[in-house]
Amino acid sequence: MNRPWGYWIVPAIRPAEANYVNMPPAYRPRFFAGLVAYQTTQLQQAMGYSQDVAHDLAYRQIQGIQQDDAGLPHRHLVAAKWKKNIIGGAWYVAVPERASSLLWIMIEDAHQGQGHGRRLLAHVAEQARAAGATGLVLHVFTANTVAVTLYRKLGFSDIGKEMLLSW
């Protein structure tokens, strides 16, 4: 089911407790380390890679995206703040008249399951729309059922499928 922008139901929260800011440079290493850890786990589960191989591949993927995106005016790193503490963030590209791409979203483990990811994703969608984007696209492993369920609840629909030829 496709829903128009802004239709998402986001849990009520006091504005003074949650807000979104440009990601401070001091938090970026923690954010990227969290992405590497997450992607390592996903590659192990989905692809059957060993810990070392998955970690190396995840690190190189994220490092490559960082280098490719360096200096792009449409690249955004946003941090989620909760009660004055940064608890996660999102990395996305919003180009006018094109679909925005959510590269990564992460909420720290201690704050998961409380609606922070949903609110952060709604913020990213609002910002992408304000930038003139035509939609928001993301990639997710089908085995990540928690994320897939959330994205579908928020109105995302399948437009493709990753396929694997193994031997």
N, C-alpha and C. Protein backbone atom coordinates (compact mmCIF):
# COMPACT_ATOMS: atom_id res chain seq x y z
N MET A 1 0.84 -1.16 0.00
CA MET A 1 0.00 0.00 0.00
C MET A 1 0.89 1.24 0.00
N ASN A 2 0.76 2.07 -1.01
CA ASN A 2 1.51 3.31 -1.05
C ASN A 2 0.71 4.41 -0.38
N ARG A 3 1.37 5.13 0.50
CA ARG A 3 0.72 6.23 1.20
C ARG A 3 1.36 7.53 0.76
N PRO A 4 0.60 8.59 0.71
CA PRO A 4 1.20 9.88 0.34
C PRO A 4 2.19 10.32 1.41
N TRP A 5 3.13 11.15 1.00
CA TRP A 5 4.12 11.70 1.93
C TRP A 5 3.42 12.27 3.14
N GLY A 6 3.99 12.06 4.29
CA GLY A 6 3.47 12.66 5.51
C GLY A 6 2.31 11.91 6.14
N TYR A 7 1.88 10.82 5.56
CA TYR A 7 0.75 10.08 6.08
C TYR A 7 1.14 9.17 7.22
N TRP A 8 2.42 8.92 7.39
CA TRP A 8 2.89 7.96 8.39
C TRP A 8 2.41 8.32 9.77
N ILE A 9 2.06 7.32 10.52
CA ILE A 9 1.65 7.50 11.91
C ILE A 9 2.91 7.38 12.75
N VAL A 10 3.25 8.44 13.42
CA VAL A 10 4.47 8.47 14.22
C VAL A 10 4.07 8.63 15.68
N PRO A 11 4.62 7.78 16.57
CA PRO A 11 4.25 7.89 17.97
C PRO A 11 4.45 9.30 18.52
N ALA A 12 3.50 9.74 19.33
CA ALA A 12 3.59 11.06 19.92
C ALA A 12 4.78 11.13 20.88
N ILE A 13 5.45 12.25 20.85
CA ILE A 13 6.60 12.44 21.72
C ILE A 13 6.76 13.93 21.96
N ARG A 14 7.21 14.28 23.11
CA ARG A 14 7.40 15.70 23.42
C ARG A 14 8.54 16.25 22.59
N PRO A 15 8.33 17.37 21.88
CA PRO A 15 9.37 17.94 21.03
C PRO A 15 10.66 18.24 21.76
N ALA A 16 10.61 18.58 23.02
CA ALA A 16 11.82 18.91 23.77
C ALA A 16 12.71 17.69 23.97
N GLU A 17 12.16 16.49 23.83
CA GLU A 17 12.94 15.28 24.07
C GLU A 17 13.59 14.71 22.82
N ALA A 18 13.00 14.93 21.66
CA ALA A 18 13.54 14.36 20.43
C ALA A 18 13.68 15.45 19.38
N ASN A 19 14.84 15.50 18.77
CA ASN A 19 15.02 16.37 17.62
C ASN A 19 16.13 15.83 16.73
N TYR A 20 16.32 16.47 15.60
CA TYR A 20 17.24 15.98 14.58
C TYR A 20 18.16 17.12 14.18
N VAL A 21 19.45 16.84 14.15
CA VAL A 21 20.46 17.86 13.88
C VAL A 21 21.47 17.30 12.89
N ASN A 22 22.24 18.20 12.28
CA ASN A 22 23.36 17.73 11.47
C ASN A 22 24.26 16.90 12.38
N MET A 23 24.73 15.79 11.86
CA MET A 23 25.51 14.89 12.69
C MET A 23 26.84 15.55 13.09
N PRO A 24 27.07 15.66 14.39
CA PRO A 24 28.33 16.25 14.85
C PRO A 24 29.51 15.38 14.46
N PRO A 25 30.64 15.99 14.06
CA PRO A 25 31.82 15.21 13.69
C PRO A 25 32.25 14.23 14.78
N ALA A 26 32.06 14.56 16.04
CA ALA A 26 32.48 13.67 17.12
C ALA A 26 31.67 12.37 17.16
N TYR A 27 30.43 12.38 16.63
CA TYR A 27 29.59 11.19 16.65
C TYR A 27 29.80 10.31 15.42
N ARG A 28 30.34 10.86 14.36
CA ARG A 28 30.46 10.13 13.09
C ARG A 28 31.23 8.81 13.21
N PRO A 29 32.36 8.75 13.91
CA PRO A 29 33.05 7.45 14.03
C PRO A 29 32.17 6.39 14.70
N ARG A 30 31.41 6.79 15.69
CA ARG A 30 30.51 5.84 16.37
C ARG A 30 29.39 5.39 15.42
N PHE A 31 28.85 6.32 14.67
CA PHE A 31 27.80 6.01 13.70
C PHE A 31 28.33 5.02 12.66
N PHE A 32 29.47 5.32 12.06
CA PHE A 32 30.01 4.45 11.02
C PHE A 32 30.43 3.09 11.59
N ALA A 33 30.94 3.07 12.81
CA ALA A 33 31.28 1.78 13.45
C ALA A 33 30.01 0.96 13.66
N GLY A 34 28.93 1.60 14.04
CA GLY A 34 27.65 0.91 14.20
C GLY A 34 27.15 0.35 12.88
N LEU A 35 27.33 1.11 11.79
CA LEU A 35 26.93 0.62 10.47
C LEU A 35 27.74 -0.59 10.06
N VAL A 36 29.05 -0.55 10.31
CA VAL A 36 29.91 -1.69 9.97
C VAL A 36 29.48 -2.92 10.76
N ALA A 37 29.22 -2.74 12.05
CA ALA A 37 28.80 -3.88 12.89
C ALA A 37 27.48 -4.46 12.38
N TYR A 38 26.52 -3.59 12.07
CA TYR A 38 25.22 -4.03 11.58
C TYR A 38 25.37 -4.78 10.25
N GLN A 39 26.10 -4.16 9.31
CA GLN A 39 26.25 -4.77 7.99
C GLN A 39 27.02 -6.08 8.08
N THR A 40 27.97 -6.17 8.99
CA THR A 40 28.71 -7.42 9.20
C THR A 40 27.74 -8.54 9.58
N THR A 41 26.87 -8.27 10.53
CA THR A 41 25.88 -9.26 10.96
C THR A 41 24.96 -9.65 9.82
N GLN A 42 24.49 -8.65 9.06
CA GLN A 42 23.58 -8.93 7.95
C GLN A 42 24.27 -9.80 6.88
N LEU A 43 25.52 -9.49 6.58
CA LEU A 43 26.25 -10.29 5.59
C LEU A 43 26.50 -11.71 6.07
N GLN A 44 26.76 -11.87 7.35
CA GLN A 44 26.94 -13.21 7.90
C GLN A 44 25.65 -14.01 7.77
N GLN A 45 24.53 -13.39 8.15
CA GLN A 45 23.25 -14.10 8.13
C GLN A 45 22.77 -14.36 6.71
N ALA A 46 22.82 -13.35 5.85
CA ALA A 46 22.26 -13.49 4.51
C ALA A 46 23.17 -14.25 3.56
N MET A 47 24.47 -14.08 3.74
CA MET A 47 25.40 -14.64 2.76
C MET A 47 26.22 -15.80 3.31
N GLY A 48 26.18 -16.00 4.62
CA GLY A 48 26.94 -17.09 5.21
C GLY A 48 28.43 -16.82 5.32
N TYR A 49 28.81 -15.55 5.25
CA TYR A 49 30.23 -15.20 5.35
C TYR A 49 30.73 -15.39 6.77
N SER A 50 32.02 -15.63 6.90
CA SER A 50 32.64 -15.68 8.23
C SER A 50 32.65 -14.27 8.81
N GLN A 51 32.87 -14.17 10.12
CA GLN A 51 32.95 -12.88 10.79
C GLN A 51 33.99 -11.98 10.13
N ASP A 52 35.18 -12.51 9.88
CA ASP A 52 36.26 -11.71 9.32
C ASP A 52 35.96 -11.22 7.91
N VAL A 53 35.46 -12.11 7.08
CA VAL A 53 35.15 -11.74 5.69
C VAL A 53 34.01 -10.72 5.68
N ALA A 54 32.97 -10.98 6.46
CA ALA A 54 31.82 -10.06 6.50
C ALA A 54 32.24 -8.69 7.01
N HIS A 55 33.07 -8.65 8.06
CA HIS A 55 33.52 -7.37 8.60
C HIS A 55 34.35 -6.60 7.58
N ASP A 56 35.26 -7.29 6.91
CA ASP A 56 36.11 -6.64 5.91
C ASP A 56 35.26 -6.07 4.78
N LEU A 57 34.31 -6.85 4.29
CA LEU A 57 33.44 -6.41 3.21
C LEU A 57 32.58 -5.23 3.65
N ALA A 58 31.99 -5.32 4.83
CA ALA A 58 31.15 -4.23 5.34
C ALA A 58 31.96 -2.95 5.48
N TYR A 59 33.14 -3.07 6.05
CA TYR A 59 34.00 -1.90 6.22
C TYR A 59 34.32 -1.25 4.87
N ARG A 60 34.69 -2.08 3.90
CA ARG A 60 35.03 -1.54 2.58
C ARG A 60 33.81 -0.93 1.88
N GLN A 61 32.62 -1.52 2.05
CA GLN A 61 31.41 -0.97 1.45
C GLN A 61 31.14 0.43 1.99
N ILE A 62 31.15 0.55 3.29
CA ILE A 62 30.81 1.83 3.92
C ILE A 62 31.89 2.87 3.65
N GLN A 63 33.14 2.46 3.69
CA GLN A 63 34.23 3.37 3.38
C GLN A 63 34.12 3.84 1.93
N GLY A 64 33.77 2.94 1.03
CA GLY A 64 33.62 3.30 -0.38
C GLY A 64 32.50 4.30 -0.61
N ILE A 65 31.38 4.10 0.07
CA ILE A 65 30.27 5.05 -0.06
C ILE A 65 30.68 6.41 0.50
N GLN A 66 31.39 6.42 1.61
CA GLN A 66 31.86 7.68 2.18
C GLN A 66 32.73 8.42 1.17
N GLN A 67 33.65 7.72 0.53
CA GLN A 67 34.54 8.35 -0.42
C GLN A 67 33.80 8.82 -1.66
N ASP A 68 32.86 8.00 -2.15
CA ASP A 68 32.08 8.37 -3.33
C ASP A 68 31.21 9.59 -3.06
N ASP A 69 30.71 9.70 -1.83
CA ASP A 69 29.80 10.78 -1.48
C ASP A 69 30.52 12.05 -1.04
N ALA A 70 31.79 11.98 -0.82
CA ALA A 70 32.52 13.13 -0.28
C ALA A 70 32.30 14.36 -1.15
N GLY A 71 31.84 15.41 -0.53
CA GLY A 71 31.65 16.67 -1.22
C GLY A 71 30.36 16.82 -2.00
N LEU A 72 29.53 15.81 -2.03
CA LEU A 72 28.27 15.94 -2.75
C LEU A 72 27.33 16.87 -1.99
N PRO A 73 26.76 17.84 -2.66
CA PRO A 73 25.90 18.79 -1.95
C PRO A 73 24.58 18.19 -1.47
N HIS A 74 24.18 17.08 -2.03
CA HIS A 74 22.88 16.49 -1.68
C HIS A 74 22.99 15.38 -0.64
N ARG A 75 24.18 15.12 -0.14
CA ARG A 75 24.41 14.09 0.87
C ARG A 75 24.12 14.68 2.25
N HIS A 76 23.43 13.91 3.07
CA HIS A 76 23.06 14.41 4.40
C HIS A 76 23.35 13.36 5.46
N LEU A 77 23.94 13.80 6.55
CA LEU A 77 24.11 12.99 7.75
C LEU A 77 23.33 13.70 8.84
N VAL A 78 22.30 13.03 9.33
CA VAL A 78 21.47 13.63 10.37
C VAL A 78 21.54 12.75 11.61
N ALA A 79 21.59 13.40 12.76
CA ALA A 79 21.65 12.68 14.03
C ALA A 79 20.32 12.80 14.75
N ALA A 80 19.93 11.73 15.40
CA ALA A 80 18.72 11.71 16.23
C ALA A 80 19.15 11.99 17.67
N LYS A 81 18.57 13.03 18.24
CA LYS A 81 18.87 13.36 19.64
C LYS A 81 17.66 13.00 20.49
N TRP A 82 17.92 12.43 21.63
CA TRP A 82 16.88 12.07 22.58
C TRP A 82 17.35 12.52 23.95
N LYS A 83 16.60 13.43 24.54
CA LYS A 83 16.96 13.97 25.86
C LYS A 83 18.42 14.40 25.91
N LYS A 84 18.83 15.18 24.94
CA LYS A 84 20.17 15.78 24.85
C LYS A 84 21.28 14.82 24.44
N ASN A 85 20.98 13.54 24.21
CA ASN A 85 21.99 12.57 23.80
C ASN A 85 21.74 12.13 22.37
N ILE A 86 22.78 11.97 21.60
CA ILE A 86 22.64 11.44 20.25
C ILE A 86 22.53 9.92 20.36
N ILE A 87 21.49 9.39 19.73
CA ILE A 87 21.20 7.96 19.87
C ILE A 87 21.21 7.22 18.54
N GLY A 88 21.57 7.89 17.48
CA GLY A 88 21.59 7.25 16.17
C GLY A 88 21.60 8.29 15.08
N GLY A 89 21.39 7.83 13.86
CA GLY A 89 21.40 8.77 12.76
C GLY A 89 21.00 8.12 11.45
N ALA A 90 21.00 8.95 10.44
CA ALA A 90 20.67 8.50 9.09
C ALA A 90 21.60 9.17 8.10
N TRP A 91 21.86 8.47 7.02
CA TRP A 91 22.72 8.94 5.95
C TRP A 91 21.91 8.79 4.68
N TYR A 92 21.63 9.90 4.01
CA TYR A 92 20.80 9.83 2.82
C TYR A 92 21.22 10.86 1.78
N VAL A 93 20.77 10.64 0.57
CA VAL A 93 21.02 11.55 -0.54
C VAL A 93 19.66 12.02 -1.03
N ALA A 94 19.49 13.34 -1.10
CA ALA A 94 18.22 13.92 -1.56
C ALA A 94 18.52 14.86 -2.72
N VAL A 95 18.16 14.44 -3.91
CA VAL A 95 18.39 15.22 -5.12
C VAL A 95 17.03 15.67 -5.67
N PRO A 96 16.88 16.96 -5.94
CA PRO A 96 15.60 17.43 -6.48
C PRO A 96 15.20 16.68 -7.75
N GLU A 97 13.93 16.39 -7.85
CA GLU A 97 13.32 15.75 -9.01
C GLU A 97 13.80 14.32 -9.26
N ARG A 98 14.36 13.69 -8.22
CA ARG A 98 14.75 12.29 -8.28
C ARG A 98 14.34 11.63 -6.97
N ALA A 99 14.30 10.32 -6.97
CA ALA A 99 14.03 9.62 -5.72
C ALA A 99 15.25 9.73 -4.83
N SER A 100 15.02 10.09 -3.59
CA SER A 100 16.10 10.14 -2.60
C SER A 100 16.50 8.71 -2.27
N SER A 101 17.70 8.57 -1.79
CA SER A 101 18.20 7.25 -1.42
C SER A 101 18.62 7.27 0.05
N LEU A 102 17.97 6.44 0.85
CA LEU A 102 18.37 6.26 2.24
C LEU A 102 19.48 5.23 2.23
N LEU A 103 20.69 5.68 2.50
CA LEU A 103 21.84 4.78 2.47
C LEU A 103 21.88 3.93 3.74
N TRP A 104 21.72 4.56 4.89
CA TRP A 104 21.76 3.85 6.17
C TRP A 104 20.93 4.60 7.19
N ILE A 105 20.37 3.84 8.10
CA ILE A 105 19.71 4.40 9.26
C ILE A 105 20.07 3.51 10.44
N MET A 106 20.37 4.13 11.57
CA MET A 106 20.78 3.34 12.73
C MET A 106 20.33 4.02 14.01
N ILE A 107 19.74 3.23 14.87
CA ILE A 107 19.43 3.65 16.23
C ILE A 107 20.23 2.71 17.14
N GLU A 108 20.91 3.29 18.11
CA GLU A 108 21.73 2.47 19.00
C GLU A 108 20.86 1.44 19.73
N ASP A 109 21.46 0.30 20.02
CA ASP A 109 20.75 -0.84 20.59
C ASP A 109 19.88 -0.47 21.80
N ALA A 110 20.41 0.32 22.70
CA ALA A 110 19.68 0.65 23.94
C ALA A 110 18.41 1.45 23.67
N HIS A 111 18.27 2.01 22.48
CA HIS A 111 17.12 2.86 22.18
C HIS A 111 16.21 2.27 21.11
N GLN A 112 16.48 1.03 20.70
CA GLN A 112 15.65 0.40 19.68
C GLN A 112 14.33 -0.05 20.29
N GLY A 113 13.33 -0.16 19.43
CA GLY A 113 12.02 -0.63 19.86
C GLY A 113 11.18 0.42 20.57
N GLN A 114 11.59 1.67 20.50
CA GLN A 114 10.88 2.75 21.19
C GLN A 114 10.31 3.78 20.22
N GLY A 115 10.36 3.49 18.92
CA GLY A 115 9.81 4.40 17.93
C GLY A 115 10.81 5.41 17.38
N HIS A 116 12.06 5.37 17.85
CA HIS A 116 13.04 6.34 17.38
C HIS A 116 13.36 6.17 15.90
N GLY A 117 13.49 4.95 15.44
CA GLY A 117 13.77 4.70 14.03
C GLY A 117 12.64 5.17 13.14
N ARG A 118 11.43 4.93 13.57
CA ARG A 118 10.25 5.37 12.82
C ARG A 118 10.23 6.89 12.71
N ARG A 119 10.49 7.56 13.82
CA ARG A 119 10.49 9.03 13.82
C ARG A 119 11.63 9.58 12.98
N LEU A 120 12.80 8.95 13.08
CA LEU A 120 13.95 9.40 12.28
C LEU A 120 13.66 9.21 10.79
N LEU A 121 13.09 8.08 10.43
CA LEU A 121 12.75 7.83 9.03
C LEU A 121 11.72 8.84 8.54
N ALA A 122 10.74 9.18 9.36
CA ALA A 122 9.75 10.20 8.99
C ALA A 122 10.44 11.55 8.78
N HIS A 123 11.41 11.87 9.63
CA HIS A 123 12.15 13.12 9.48
C HIS A 123 12.93 13.14 8.16
N VAL A 124 13.61 12.03 7.85
CA VAL A 124 14.36 11.94 6.60
C VAL A 124 13.42 12.12 5.41
N ALA A 125 12.26 11.47 5.44
CA ALA A 125 11.29 11.59 4.35
C ALA A 125 10.81 13.03 4.20
N GLU A 126 10.55 13.68 5.32
CA GLU A 126 10.12 15.09 5.27
C GLU A 126 11.20 15.97 4.66
N GLN A 127 12.45 15.74 5.06
CA GLN A 127 13.56 16.54 4.54
C GLN A 127 13.77 16.28 3.05
N ALA A 128 13.67 15.02 2.63
CA ALA A 128 13.84 14.68 1.22
C ALA A 128 12.73 15.33 0.38
N ARG A 129 11.54 15.28 0.90
CA ARG A 129 10.42 15.90 0.19
C ARG A 129 10.62 17.41 0.08
N ALA A 130 11.06 18.03 1.17
CA ALA A 130 11.31 19.47 1.16
C ALA A 130 12.43 19.85 0.18
N ALA A 131 13.35 18.91 -0.06
CA ALA A 131 14.44 19.15 -1.00
C ALA A 131 13.99 18.96 -2.45
N GLY A 132 12.75 18.55 -2.66
CA GLY A 132 12.22 18.38 -4.00
C GLY A 132 12.34 16.98 -4.55
N ALA A 133 12.65 16.01 -3.70
CA ALA A 133 12.76 14.62 -4.15
C ALA A 133 11.38 14.07 -4.51
N THR A 134 11.37 13.08 -5.38
CA THR A 134 10.11 12.49 -5.84
C THR A 134 9.70 11.27 -5.03
N GLY A 135 10.55 10.79 -4.16
CA GLY A 135 10.25 9.62 -3.34
C GLY A 135 11.47 9.25 -2.53
N LEU A 136 11.41 8.13 -1.87
CA LEU A 136 12.51 7.67 -1.04
C LEU A 136 12.69 6.17 -1.26
N VAL A 137 13.89 5.77 -1.62
CA VAL A 137 14.19 4.38 -1.88
C VAL A 137 15.24 3.91 -0.88
N LEU A 138 15.17 2.64 -0.52
CA LEU A 138 16.16 2.06 0.38
C LEU A 138 16.35 0.60 0.02
N HIS A 139 17.43 0.03 0.52
CA HIS A 139 17.73 -1.39 0.32
C HIS A 139 17.71 -2.07 1.67
N VAL A 140 17.16 -3.26 1.72
CA VAL A 140 17.09 -4.01 2.97
C VAL A 140 17.17 -5.50 2.65
N PHE A 141 17.89 -6.25 3.49
CA PHE A 141 17.91 -7.69 3.33
C PHE A 141 16.55 -8.24 3.73
N THR A 142 16.00 -9.15 2.94
CA THR A 142 14.69 -9.71 3.25
C THR A 142 14.70 -10.47 4.57
N ALA A 143 15.85 -10.97 4.99
CA ALA A 143 15.94 -11.67 6.27
C ALA A 143 15.82 -10.72 7.46
N ASN A 144 15.97 -9.42 7.23
CA ASN A 144 15.83 -8.43 8.28
C ASN A 144 14.34 -8.11 8.43
N THR A 145 13.62 -9.06 8.99
CA THR A 145 12.15 -8.97 9.03
C THR A 145 11.64 -7.80 9.87
N VAL A 146 12.37 -7.41 10.90
CA VAL A 146 11.94 -6.26 11.71
C VAL A 146 11.93 -5.01 10.85
N ALA A 147 13.01 -4.78 10.11
CA ALA A 147 13.08 -3.60 9.25
C ALA A 147 12.07 -3.67 8.11
N VAL A 148 11.97 -4.83 7.47
CA VAL A 148 11.02 -4.98 6.36
C VAL A 148 9.61 -4.68 6.83
N THR A 149 9.24 -5.21 8.00
CA THR A 149 7.90 -4.96 8.55
C THR A 149 7.68 -3.48 8.80
N LEU A 150 8.66 -2.81 9.39
CA LEU A 150 8.54 -1.37 9.64
C LEU A 150 8.38 -0.61 8.33
N TYR A 151 9.23 -0.89 7.36
CA TYR A 151 9.15 -0.16 6.10
C TYR A 151 7.81 -0.37 5.41
N ARG A 152 7.30 -1.58 5.44
CA ARG A 152 5.99 -1.82 4.82
C ARG A 152 4.88 -1.08 5.56
N LYS A 153 4.94 -1.05 6.90
CA LYS A 153 3.95 -0.30 7.68
C LYS A 153 3.97 1.17 7.33
N LEU A 154 5.14 1.66 6.95
CA LEU A 154 5.28 3.07 6.62
C LEU A 154 4.94 3.36 5.16
N GLY A 155 4.53 2.35 4.41
CA GLY A 155 4.08 2.57 3.05
C GLY A 155 5.09 2.23 1.96
N PHE A 156 6.27 1.75 2.32
CA PHE A 156 7.23 1.35 1.31
C PHE A 156 6.72 0.09 0.62
N SER A 157 7.02 -0.04 -0.67
CA SER A 157 6.64 -1.23 -1.40
C SER A 157 7.87 -1.80 -2.11
N ASP A 158 7.82 -3.09 -2.41
CA ASP A 158 8.92 -3.75 -3.09
C ASP A 158 8.97 -3.28 -4.54
N ILE A 159 10.17 -2.92 -4.99
CA ILE A 159 10.35 -2.54 -6.39
C ILE A 159 11.42 -3.40 -7.07
N GLY A 160 12.06 -4.23 -6.31
CA GLY A 160 13.12 -5.07 -6.86
C GLY A 160 13.45 -6.18 -5.90
N LYS A 161 14.42 -6.93 -6.26
CA LYS A 161 14.84 -8.05 -5.42
C LYS A 161 16.30 -8.30 -5.70
N GLU A 162 17.07 -8.48 -4.62
CA GLU A 162 18.45 -8.89 -4.80
C GLU A 162 18.44 -10.40 -5.00
N MET A 163 19.30 -10.84 -5.87
CA MET A 163 19.38 -12.27 -6.14
C MET A 163 20.81 -12.72 -5.99
N LEU A 164 20.98 -13.96 -5.64
CA LEU A 164 22.30 -14.53 -5.38
C LEU A 164 22.47 -15.81 -6.17
N LEU A 165 23.57 -15.92 -6.84
CA LEU A 165 23.98 -17.17 -7.47
C LEU A 165 25.13 -17.70 -6.65
N SER A 166 24.92 -18.80 -5.96
CA SER A 166 25.99 -19.36 -5.13
C SER A 166 26.46 -20.68 -5.71
N TRP A 167 27.67 -21.02 -5.42
CA TRP A 167 28.23 -22.31 -5.84
C TRP A 167 29.20 -22.79 -4.81
